[in-house]
C-alpha atoms as a PDB file:
ATOM      1  CA  MET A   1      80.296-212.345 172.504  1.00  0.00           C
ATOM      2  CA  GLY A   2      79.807-210.719 175.913  1.00  0.00           C
ATOM      3  CA  LEU A   3      78.655-207.416 174.327  1.00  0.00           C
ATOM      4  CA  PHE A   4      76.097-209.354 172.171  1.00  0.00           C
ATOM      5  CA  LYS A   5      74.677-211.150 175.259  1.00  0.00           C
ATOM      6  CA  ARG A   6      74.395-207.904 177.184  1.00  0.00           C
ATOM      7  CA  SER A   7      72.744-206.256 174.251  1.00  0.00           C
ATOM      8  CA  MET A   8      70.235-209.074 173.855  1.00  0.00           C
ATOM      9  CA  ALA A   9      69.448-208.905 177.571  1.00  0.00           C
ATOM     10  CA  VAL A  10      68.476-205.217 177.187  1.00  0.00           C
ATOM     11  CA  THR A  11      66.334-206.054 174.182  1.00  0.00           C
ATOM     12  CA  SER A  12      64.618-208.896 176.159  1.00  0.00           C
ATOM     13  CA  ILE A  13      63.896-206.564 179.079  1.00  0.00           C
ATOM     14  CA  ASN A  14      62.147-204.048 176.867  1.00  0.00           C
ATOM     15  CA  PHE A  15      60.070-206.834 175.192  1.00  0.00           C
ATOM     16  CA  ASN A  16      59.060-208.222 178.601  1.00  0.00           C
ATOM     17  CA  CYS A  17      57.333-204.945 179.357  1.00  0.00           C
ATOM     18  CA  TRP A  18      54.830-205.767 176.566  1.00  0.00           C
ATOM     19  CA  ARG A  19      53.182-208.368 178.799  1.00  0.00           C
ATOM     20  CA  ARG A  20      51.660-205.722 181.032  1.00  0.00           C
ATOM     21  CA  ASP A  21      51.127-203.042 178.402  1.00  0.00           C
ATOM     22  CA  PHE A  22      47.533-202.824 177.195  1.00  0.00           C
ATOM     23  CA  ARG A  23      48.638-200.156 174.704  1.00  0.00           C
ATOM     24  CA  VAL A  24      50.509-202.762 172.598  1.00  0.00           C
ATOM     25  CA  LYS A  25      47.506-205.085 172.478  1.00  0.00           C
ATOM     26  CA  PHE A  26      45.214-202.220 171.477  1.00  0.00           C
ATOM     27  CA  ILE A  27      47.551-201.082 168.657  1.00  0.00           C
ATOM     28  CA  LEU A  28      47.835-204.580 167.282  1.00  0.00           C
ATOM     29  CA  LEU A  29      44.040-205.055 167.353  1.00  0.00           C
ATOM     30  CA  PHE A  30      43.485-201.695 165.692  1.00  0.00           C
ATOM     31  CA  THR A  31      46.054-202.563 163.004  1.00  0.00           C
ATOM     32  CA  ALA A  32      44.365-205.885 162.306  1.00  0.00           C
ATOM     33  CA  LEU A  33      41.009-204.104 161.871  1.00  0.00           C
ATOM     34  CA  ILE A  34      42.575-201.616 159.430  1.00  0.00           C
ATOM     35  CA  VAL A  35      44.008-204.480 157.436  1.00  0.00           C
ATOM     36  CA  PHE A  36      40.728-206.313 157.319  1.00  0.00           C
ATOM     37  CA  ASN A  37      38.690-203.212 156.503  1.00  0.00           C
ATOM     38  CA  THR A  38      41.030-202.233 153.616  1.00  0.00           C
ATOM     39  CA  LEU A  39      41.129-205.725 152.098  1.00  0.00           C
ATOM     40  CA  LYS A  40      37.485-206.632 152.813  1.00  0.00           C
ATOM     41  CA  PRO A  41      36.333-205.656 149.248  1.00  0.00           C
ATOM     42  CA  VAL A  42      38.822-208.185 147.848  1.00  0.00           C
ATOM     43  CA  LEU A  43      37.543-210.913 150.115  1.00  0.00           C
ATOM     44  CA  GLN A  44      33.880-210.035 149.615  1.00  0.00           C
ATOM     45  CA  TYR A  45      34.197-209.982 145.868  1.00  0.00           C
ATOM     46  CA  GLY A  46      35.941-213.363 145.910  1.00  0.00           C
ATOM     47  CA  LEU A  47      33.264-214.938 148.124  1.00  0.00           C
ATOM     48  CA  ASP A  48      30.403-213.485 146.017  1.00  0.00           C
ATOM     49  CA  ASN A  49      31.770-214.586 142.704  1.00  0.00           C
ATOM     50  CA  GLY A  50      33.800-217.666 143.535  1.00  0.00           C
ATOM     51  CA  VAL A  51      37.098-215.947 142.610  1.00  0.00           C
ATOM     52  CA  VAL A  52      40.469-216.746 144.240  1.00  0.00           C
ATOM     53  CA  SER A  53      43.196-214.433 145.513  1.00  0.00           C
ATOM     54  CA  THR A  54      46.856-214.571 146.317  1.00  0.00           C
ATOM     55  CA  PRO A  55      47.721-214.281 150.118  1.00  0.00           C
ATOM     56  CA  LEU A  56      50.527-211.843 149.253  1.00  0.00           C
ATOM     57  CA  LEU A  57      48.395-208.754 149.661  1.00  0.00           C
ATOM     58  CA  LEU A  58      50.839-206.614 151.616  1.00  0.00           C
ATOM     59  CA  PRO A  59      51.717-204.238 148.698  1.00  0.00           C
ATOM     60  CA  LEU A  60      48.073-203.284 148.353  1.00  0.00           C
ATOM     61  CA  LEU A  61      48.321-201.727 151.857  1.00  0.00           C
ATOM     62  CA  PHE A  62      51.197-199.493 151.123  1.00  0.00           C
ATOM     63  CA  GLY A  63      50.020-197.397 148.189  1.00  0.00           C
ATOM     64  CA  SER A  64      50.508-193.640 148.190  1.00  0.00           C
ATOM     65  CA  THR A  65      47.908-190.938 147.938  1.00  0.00           C
ATOM     66  CA  GLU A  66      47.640-187.202 148.196  1.00  0.00           C
ATOM     67  CA  ILE A  67      45.050-187.588 150.966  1.00  0.00           C
ATOM     68  CA  SER A  68      46.679-188.960 154.168  1.00  0.00           C
ATOM     69  CA  ILE A  69      43.537-190.673 155.438  1.00  0.00           C
ATOM     70  CA  GLY A  70      43.205-192.533 152.146  1.00  0.00           C
ATOM     71  CA  THR A  71      46.122-194.905 152.629  1.00  0.00           C
ATOM     72  CA  PRO A  72      46.594-197.525 155.386  1.00  0.00           C
ATOM     73  CA  LYS A  73      50.408-197.113 155.390  1.00  0.00           C
ATOM     74  CA  MET A  74      49.886-193.793 157.181  1.00  0.00           C
ATOM     75  CA  TYR A  75      48.042-195.544 159.992  1.00  0.00           C
ATOM     76  CA  PHE A  76      50.720-198.289 160.112  1.00  0.00           C
ATOM     77  CA  HIS A  77      53.531-195.743 160.576  1.00  0.00           C
ATOM     78  CA  ILE A  78      51.510-193.946 163.270  1.00  0.00           C
ATOM     79  CA  GLY A  79      50.928-197.338 164.914  1.00  0.00           C
ATOM     80  CA  LEU A  80      54.668-197.928 164.936  1.00  0.00           C
ATOM     81  CA  ILE A  81      55.237-194.534 166.595  1.00  0.00           C
ATOM     82  CA  LEU A  82      52.693-195.459 169.263  1.00  0.00           C
ATOM     83  CA  LEU A  83      54.339-198.808 169.834  1.00  0.00           C
ATOM     84  CA  LEU A  84      57.564-196.951 170.641  1.00  0.00           C
ATOM     85  CA  CYS A  85      56.095-193.843 172.272  1.00  0.00           C
ATOM     86  CA  ASP A  86      57.525-194.899 175.681  1.00  0.00           C
ATOM     87  CA  ALA A  87      60.998-193.891 174.437  1.00  0.00           C
ATOM     88  CA  PRO A  88      63.599-193.622 175.862  1.00  0.00           C
ATOM     89  CA  PHE A  89      62.303-196.853 177.377  1.00  0.00           C
ATOM     90  CA  TYR A  90      62.962-196.064 181.020  1.00  0.00           C
ATOM     91  CA  TYR A  91      61.611-198.651 183.458  1.00  0.00           C
ATOM     92  CA  PRO A  92      62.366-199.302 187.162  1.00  0.00           C
ATOM     93  CA  ILE A  93      64.877-201.947 186.078  1.00  0.00           C
ATOM     94  CA  THR A  94      66.630-199.737 183.483  1.00  0.00           C
ATOM     95  CA  PRO A  95      69.377-198.311 185.832  1.00  0.00           C
ATOM     96  CA  TYR A  96      70.396-201.826 186.816  1.00  0.00           C
ATOM     97  CA  ALA A  97      70.322-202.946 183.170  1.00  0.00           C
ATOM     98  CA  ILE A  98      72.592-200.110 182.216  1.00  0.00           C
ATOM     99  CA  MET A  99      75.060-200.944 184.996  1.00  0.00           C
ATOM    100  CA  ARG A 100      75.118-204.574 184.017  1.00  0.00           C
ATOM    101  CA  SER A 101      75.224-204.128 180.282  1.00  0.00           C
ATOM    102  CA  LYS A 102      77.350-200.941 180.231  1.00  0.00           C
ATOM    103  CA  ARG A 103      76.533-198.033 177.978  1.00  0.00           C
ATOM    104  CA  SER A 104      77.497-199.834 174.769  1.00  0.00           C
ATOM    105  CA  GLY A 105      75.275-202.829 175.517  1.00  0.00           C
ATOM    106  CA  TRP A 106      72.360-200.610 176.537  1.00  0.00           C
ATOM    107  CA  CYS A 107      72.684-198.556 173.311  1.00  0.00           C
ATOM    108  CA  ILE A 108      72.955-201.563 170.995  1.00  0.00           C
ATOM    109  CA  GLY A 109      70.248-203.483 172.857  1.00  0.00           C
ATOM    110  CA  THR A 110      67.793-200.601 172.586  1.00  0.00           C
ATOM    111  CA  CYS A 111      68.493-200.154 168.882  1.00  0.00           C
ATOM    112  CA  LEU A 112      68.015-203.903 168.419  1.00  0.00           C
ATOM    113  CA  TYR A 113      64.752-203.601 170.276  1.00  0.00           C
ATOM    114  CA  ILE A 114      63.505-200.927 167.905  1.00  0.00           C
ATOM    115  CA  ALA A 115      64.502-203.026 164.882  1.00  0.00           C
ATOM    116  CA  ALA A 116      62.830-206.136 166.393  1.00  0.00           C
ATOM    117  CA  VAL A 117      59.632-204.264 167.153  1.00  0.00           C
ATOM    118  CA  SER A 118      59.588-202.941 163.581  1.00  0.00           C
ATOM    119  CA  LEU A 119      60.051-206.483 162.261  1.00  0.00           C
ATOM    120  CA  VAL A 120      57.329-207.925 164.486  1.00  0.00           C
ATOM    121  CA  TYR A 121      54.976-205.159 163.401  1.00  0.00           C
ATOM    122  CA  ILE A 122      55.462-205.498 159.675  1.00  0.00           C
ATOM    123  CA  ALA A 123      55.337-209.321 159.998  1.00  0.00           C
ATOM    124  CA  PHE A 124      52.044-208.952 161.861  1.00  0.00           C
ATOM    125  CA  ILE A 125      50.623-206.769 159.137  1.00  0.00           C
ATOM    126  CA  THR A 126      51.804-209.225 156.492  1.00  0.00           C
ATOM    127  CA  VAL A 127      50.231-212.204 158.351  1.00  0.00           C
ATOM    128  CA  CYS A 128      46.926-210.309 158.839  1.00  0.00           C
ATOM    129  CA  ALA A 129      46.763-209.492 155.132  1.00  0.00           C
ATOM    130  CA  ALA A 130      47.365-213.160 154.247  1.00  0.00           C
ATOM    131  CA  LEU A 131      44.690-214.285 156.673  1.00  0.00           C
ATOM    132  CA  VAL A 132      42.130-212.116 154.940  1.00  0.00           C
ATOM    133  CA  ALA A 133      42.629-214.108 151.729  1.00  0.00           C
ATOM    134  CA  VAL A 134      42.406-217.580 153.354  1.00  0.00           C
ATOM    135  CA  PRO A 135      38.715-218.186 152.437  1.00  0.00           C
ATOM    136  CA  ILE A 136      39.563-217.502 148.732  1.00  0.00           C
ATOM    137  CA  LEU A 137      43.144-218.661 148.808  1.00  0.00           C
ATOM    138  CA  SER A 138      45.240-219.327 145.740  1.00  0.00           C
ATOM    139  CA  LEU A 139      48.941-220.184 145.908  1.00  0.00           C
ATOM    140  CA  ARG A 140      49.727-218.883 142.418  1.00  0.00           C
ATOM    141  CA  ASP A 141      52.200-216.027 142.168  1.00  0.00           C
ATOM    142  CA  SER A 142      49.733-213.888 140.252  1.00  0.00           C
ATOM    143  CA  TRP A 143      47.135-211.181 140.858  1.00  0.00           C
ATOM    144  CA  ASP A 144      44.701-213.052 138.561  1.00  0.00           C
ATOM    145  CA  GLY A 145      41.420-213.322 140.434  1.00  0.00           C
ATOM    146  CA  ALA A 146      39.771-210.887 142.808  1.00  0.00           C
ATOM    147  CA  ALA A 147      42.371-208.111 142.708  1.00  0.00           C
ATOM    148  CA  ALA A 148      42.743-208.130 138.871  1.00  0.00           C
ATOM    149  CA  ASP A 149      38.973-208.199 138.382  1.00  0.00           C
ATOM    150  CA  LEU A 150      38.464-205.156 140.649  1.00  0.00           C
ATOM    151  CA  ILE A 151      41.095-203.287 138.594  1.00  0.00           C
ATOM    152  CA  TYR A 152      40.113-204.357 135.058  1.00  0.00           C
ATOM    153  CA  GLY A 153      36.466-205.314 135.366  1.00  0.00           C
ATOM    154  CA  THR A 154      34.853-208.461 134.035  1.00  0.00           C
ATOM    155  CA  SER A 155      32.614-209.509 131.200  1.00  0.00           C
ATOM    156  CA  GLN A 156      29.612-209.083 133.476  1.00  0.00           C
ATOM    157  CA  MET A 157      30.572-205.764 135.201  1.00  0.00           C
ATOM    158  CA  SER A 158      32.791-202.882 134.348  1.00  0.00           C
ATOM    159  CA  LYS A 159      35.476-201.701 136.722  1.00  0.00           C
ATOM    160  CA  GLU A 160      33.345-198.646 137.498  1.00  0.00           C
ATOM    161  CA  GLN A 161      30.414-200.833 138.540  1.00  0.00           C
ATOM    162  CA  LEU A 162      32.733-203.054 140.620  1.00  0.00           C
ATOM    163  CA  ALA A 163      34.250-199.915 142.322  1.00  0.00           C
ATOM    164  CA  GLN A 164      30.721-198.939 143.454  1.00  0.00           C
ATOM    165  CA  LEU A 165      29.936-202.362 144.813  1.00  0.00           C
ATOM    166  CA  TYR A 166      33.405-203.142 146.255  1.00  0.00           C
ATOM    167  CA  PRO A 167      35.179-199.805 146.953  1.00  0.00           C
ATOM    168  CA  THR A 168      38.887-200.365 147.465  1.00  0.00           C
ATOM    169  CA  VAL A 169      42.216-198.528 147.419  1.00  0.00           C
ATOM    170  CA  ILE A 170      44.202-201.101 145.435  1.00  0.00           C
ATOM    171  CA  PRO A 171      47.260-199.516 143.755  1.00  0.00           C
ATOM    172  CA  ILE A 172      46.482-200.137 140.080  1.00  0.00           C
ATOM    173  CA  ILE A 173      50.058-200.033 138.855  1.00  0.00           C
ATOM    174  CA  VAL A 174      51.125-202.804 141.303  1.00  0.00           C
ATOM    175  CA  VAL A 175      48.504-205.228 139.977  1.00  0.00           C
ATOM    176  CA  LYS A 176      49.219-204.328 136.368  1.00  0.00           C
ATOM    177  CA  TYR A 177      53.000-204.664 136.264  1.00  0.00           C
ATOM    178  CA  LEU A 178      54.316-206.648 139.233  1.00  0.00           C
ATOM    179  CA  TYR A 179      54.212-210.139 140.613  1.00  0.00           C
ATOM    180  CA  PRO A 180      52.834-210.509 144.119  1.00  0.00           C
ATOM    181  CA  SER A 181      56.038-212.123 145.451  1.00  0.00           C
ATOM    182  CA  GLY A 182      58.381-209.415 144.238  1.00  0.00           C
ATOM    183  CA  ALA A 183      56.128-206.570 145.285  1.00  0.00           C
ATOM    184  CA  THR A 184      55.608-208.170 148.749  1.00  0.00           C
ATOM    185  CA  LEU A 185      59.375-208.668 149.252  1.00  0.00           C
ATOM    186  CA  TYR A 186      60.116-205.016 148.377  1.00  0.00           C
ATOM    187  CA  THR A 187      57.275-203.695 150.555  1.00  0.00           C
ATOM    188  CA  PHE A 188      58.218-205.885 153.543  1.00  0.00           C
ATOM    189  CA  LEU A 189      61.880-204.874 153.531  1.00  0.00           C
ATOM    190  CA  THR A 190      61.358-201.207 152.902  1.00  0.00           C
ATOM    191  CA  ALA A 191      58.536-201.018 155.495  1.00  0.00           C
ATOM    192  CA  TRP A 192      60.769-202.739 158.033  1.00  0.00           C
ATOM    193  CA  ALA A 193      63.567-200.266 157.274  1.00  0.00           C
ATOM    194  CA  SER A 194      61.125-197.330 157.366  1.00  0.00           C
ATOM    195  CA  PHE A 195      59.673-198.444 160.687  1.00  0.00           C
ATOM    196  CA  THR A 196      63.137-198.981 162.132  1.00  0.00           C
ATOM    197  CA  LEU A 197      64.391-195.546 160.948  1.00  0.00           C
ATOM    198  CA  LEU A 198      61.310-193.848 162.271  1.00  0.00           C
ATOM    199  CA  GLY A 199      61.745-195.534 165.683  1.00  0.00           C
ATOM    200  CA  MET A 200      65.455-194.644 165.897  1.00  0.00           C
ATOM    201  CA  ILE A 201      64.670-191.009 165.066  1.00  0.00           C
ATOM    202  CA  LEU A 202      61.977-191.007 167.735  1.00  0.00           C
ATOM    203  CA  TYR A 203      64.434-192.463 170.286  1.00  0.00           C
ATOM    204  CA  LEU A 204      67.282-190.095 169.282  1.00  0.00           C
ATOM    205  CA  VAL A 205      65.184-186.904 169.490  1.00  0.00           C
ATOM    206  CA  SER A 206      63.767-188.064 172.821  1.00  0.00           C
ATOM    207  CA  LEU A 207      67.308-188.590 174.133  1.00  0.00           C
ATOM    208  CA  ILE A 208      68.499-185.196 172.905  1.00  0.00           C
ATOM    209  CA  SER A 209      65.496-183.162 173.961  1.00  0.00           C
ATOM    210  CA  LYS A 210      64.803-185.184 177.133  1.00  0.00           C
ATOM    211  CA  ASN A 211      61.134-184.891 176.112  1.00  0.00           C
ATOM    212  CA  ILE A 212      59.188-187.613 174.272  1.00  0.00           C
ATOM    213  CA  LEU A 213      56.800-184.929 172.865  1.00  0.00           C
ATOM    214  CA  TRP A 214      59.603-183.658 170.611  1.00  0.00           C
ATOM    215  CA  GLY A 215      60.314-187.131 169.323  1.00  0.00           C
ATOM    216  CA  LEU A 216      56.652-187.636 168.553  1.00  0.00           C
ATOM    217  CA  ALA A 217      56.477-184.259 166.792  1.00  0.00           C
ATOM    218  CA  VAL A 218      59.468-184.919 164.575  1.00  0.00           C
ATOM    219  CA  THR A 219      58.421-188.422 163.557  1.00  0.00           C
ATOM    220  CA  GLY A 220      54.823-187.263 162.995  1.00  0.00           C
ATOM    221  CA  ILE A 221      56.055-184.609 160.587  1.00  0.00           C
ATOM    222  CA  ILE A 222      58.111-187.239 158.689  1.00  0.00           C
ATOM    223  CA  VAL A 223      55.039-189.462 158.344  1.00  0.00           C
ATOM    224  CA  PHE A 224      52.739-186.783 157.111  1.00  0.00           C
ATOM    225  CA  LEU A 225      55.327-185.601 154.595  1.00  0.00           C
ATOM    226  CA  ASP A 226      54.231-188.535 152.405  1.00  0.00           C
ATOM    227  CA  PRO A 227      50.912-187.200 151.201  1.00  0.00           C
ATOM    228  CA  ILE A 228      52.301-183.654 151.046  1.00  0.00           C
ATOM    229  CA  LEU A 229      55.157-184.697 148.862  1.00  0.00           C
ATOM    230  CA  MET A 230      52.853-186.831 146.694  1.00  0.00           C
ATOM    231  CA  TRP A 231      50.780-183.720 146.089  1.00  0.00           C
ATOM    232  CA  LEU A 232      53.812-181.520 145.308  1.00  0.00           C
ATOM    233  CA  ALA A 233      55.516-184.171 143.180  1.00  0.00           C
ATOM    234  CA  TRP A 234      52.778-184.518 140.610  1.00  0.00           C
ATOM    235  CA  PRO A 235      53.234-184.491 137.648  1.00  0.00           C
ATOM    236  CA  LYS A 236      56.982-183.884 137.071  1.00  0.00           C
ATOM    237  CA  ASN A 237      58.656-183.394 140.448  1.00  0.00           C
ATOM    238  CA  TYR A 238      58.749-186.941 141.739  1.00  0.00           C
ATOM    239  CA  TRP A 239      62.360-186.377 142.969  1.00  0.00           C
ATOM    240  CA  LEU A 240      60.683-184.735 145.983  1.00  0.00           C
ATOM    241  CA  GLN A 241      59.767-188.208 147.285  1.00  0.00           C
ATOM    242  CA  TYR A 242      63.432-188.737 148.205  1.00  0.00           C
ATOM    243  CA  PHE A 243      62.776-186.385 151.178  1.00  0.00           C
ATOM    244  CA  SER A 244      60.572-188.888 153.027  1.00  0.00           C
ATOM    245  CA  PRO A 245      61.430-192.491 153.834  1.00  0.00           C
ATOM    246  CA  VAL A 246      57.701-193.259 154.149  1.00  0.00           C
ATOM    247  CA  CYS A 247      57.339-192.558 150.382  1.00  0.00           C
ATOM    248  CA  TRP A 248      59.908-195.238 149.636  1.00  0.00           C
ATOM    249  CA  THR A 249      57.649-198.058 150.919  1.00  0.00           C
ATOM    250  CA  SER A 250      55.275-197.722 147.952  1.00  0.00           C
ATOM    251  CA  VAL A 251      56.475-199.973 145.223  1.00  0.00           C
ATOM    252  CA  GLU A 252      54.512-198.104 142.527  1.00  0.00           C
ATOM    253  CA  SER A 253      56.760-195.090 143.148  1.00  0.00           C
ATOM    254  CA  LEU A 254      59.794-196.846 141.604  1.00  0.00           C
ATOM    255  CA  ASP A 255      61.035-195.746 138.173  1.00  0.00           C
ATOM    256  CA  SER A 256      61.274-199.397 137.157  1.00  0.00           C
ATOM    257  CA  VAL A 257      57.471-199.587 137.544  1.00  0.00           C
ATOM    258  CA  GLN A 258      56.587-196.196 136.214  1.00  0.00           C
ATOM    259  CA  ALA A 259      59.193-194.635 133.935  1.00  0.00           C
ATOM    260  CA  HIS A 260      58.407-190.989 134.971  1.00  0.00           C
ATOM    261  CA  ARG A 261      59.053-191.695 138.677  1.00  0.00           C
ATOM    262  CA  ALA A 262      62.311-190.876 140.386  1.00  0.00           C
ATOM    263  CA  LEU A 263      62.919-193.553 143.028  1.00  0.00           C
ATOM    264  CA  THR A 264      65.189-196.433 142.276  1.00  0.00           C
ATOM    265  CA  ILE A 265      65.860-199.617 144.287  1.00  0.00           C
ATOM    266  CA  PRO A 266      69.618-199.006 144.620  1.00  0.00           C
ATOM    267  CA  ALA A 267      69.114-195.430 145.755  1.00  0.00           C
ATOM    268  CA  VAL A 268      66.378-196.366 148.209  1.00  0.00           C
ATOM    269  CA  SER A 269      68.556-199.210 149.649  1.00  0.00           C
ATOM    270  CA  ALA A 270      71.613-196.986 149.974  1.00  0.00           C
ATOM    271  CA  LEU A 271      69.621-194.213 151.656  1.00  0.00           C
ATOM    272  CA  TYR A 272      68.091-196.562 154.231  1.00  0.00           C
ATOM    273  CA  VAL A 273      71.491-198.007 155.099  1.00  0.00           C
ATOM    274  CA  ILE A 274      73.147-194.581 155.351  1.00  0.00           C
ATOM    275  CA  LEU A 275      70.309-193.090 157.452  1.00  0.00           C
ATOM    276  CA  LEU A 276      70.081-196.121 159.780  1.00  0.00           C
ATOM    277  CA  LEU A 277      73.815-196.117 160.342  1.00  0.00           C
ATOM    278  CA  ALA A 278      73.825-192.356 160.931  1.00  0.00           C
ATOM    279  CA  SER A 279      70.997-192.690 163.407  1.00  0.00           C
ATOM    280  CA  PHE A 280      72.746-195.477 165.265  1.00  0.00           C
ATOM    281  CA  VAL A 281      76.029-193.437 165.505  1.00  0.00           C
ATOM    282  CA  ALA A 282      74.109-190.425 166.751  1.00  0.00           C
ATOM    283  CA  ILE A 283      72.249-192.598 169.309  1.00  0.00           C
ATOM    284  CA  TYR A 284      75.484-194.233 170.448  1.00  0.00           C
ATOM    285  CA  TYR A 285      77.114-190.827 170.917  1.00  0.00           C
ATOM    286  CA  GLN A 286      74.133-189.434 172.813  1.00  0.00           C
ATOM    287  CA  SER A 287      73.849-192.525 175.011  1.00  0.00           C
ATOM    288  CA  LYS A 288      77.420-192.007 176.182  1.00  0.00           C
ATOM    289  CA  ARG A 289      76.641-188.453 177.269  1.00  0.00           C
ATOM    290  CA  ILE A 290      73.185-188.747 178.852  1.00  0.00           C
ATOM    291  CA  MET A 291      72.760-189.228 182.624  1.00  0.00           C
ATOM    292  CA  ILE A 292      70.387-191.851 184.022  1.00  0.00           C
ATOM    293  CA  THR A 293      68.633-189.130 186.001  1.00  0.00           C
ATOM    294  CA  ASP A 294      67.845-187.445 182.655  1.00  0.00           C
ATOM    295  CA  LEU A 295      66.096-190.575 181.480  1.00  0.00           C
ATOM    296  CA  GLN A 296      64.095-190.702 184.648  1.00  0.00           C
ATOM    297  CA  GLY A 297      63.000-187.051 184.212  1.00  0.00           C
ATOM    298  CA  ASN A 298      62.076-187.748 180.571  1.00  0.00           C
ATOM    299  CA  ASN A 299      59.925-190.696 181.621  1.00  0.00           C
ATOM    300  CA  GLU A 300      58.050-188.582 184.142  1.00  0.00           C
ATOM    301  CA  GLN A 301      57.093-185.807 181.719  1.00  0.00           C
END
């Protein structure tokens, strides 16, 4: 119980630093603008034609593409990196926090902080996506309405005509074969796991290298592997998507959705658990070895 309290105290200290950090506010604002801009065609079509939409629009934001700037999920992962770019989270109070919480409490508290930041970030994206649909809200667990019309077309306009008037990046397979609730649950959990894993890798590399730039470089490479692997995977090498956790957040990449794909829910779940545990063990080991003066030098670089 004492270890848990000490760990939570470290997590709380890190979160308290958000109050004076303009960077966090800017990232959240920028994220909200990306969500609105991506889903604006759905809202605009619904308003123009009196069509409703489910508020569970999160899966529409995590589609994969061969062009990195074509998918919002790339921006979201970059946003997560920027939220945690002050790793290894050294503040004036950090030495006292380490002395009070001990090395174990400091390590666990910092990892909990990364997981909590990831949860807050994906929850923020989910809420923003739901708010976009409020003017045309429907509580039915179905894509019938704005999203389906933009994919299939209507009796008045074909899908090609609608694409010109309301250009969007809706993953077609998600709307065709999945319920919004199931797709949203999968996307939320995998995005949370992906964000957390990315944050822990960023923290670990920063601890080992004593330089945040190396952490940013490694996590940046992992993020931008998504469009590269999508390009290399088509049309018969989708097993390559196993090499990037960012790929796993796109529900249309599952073999249960498209038979020729390689990703499965059990495999993705197991990989996230294994990689998160391995990252935590590595961080715990490195936290025992690093000196407080190394943290201070890292923060000043």
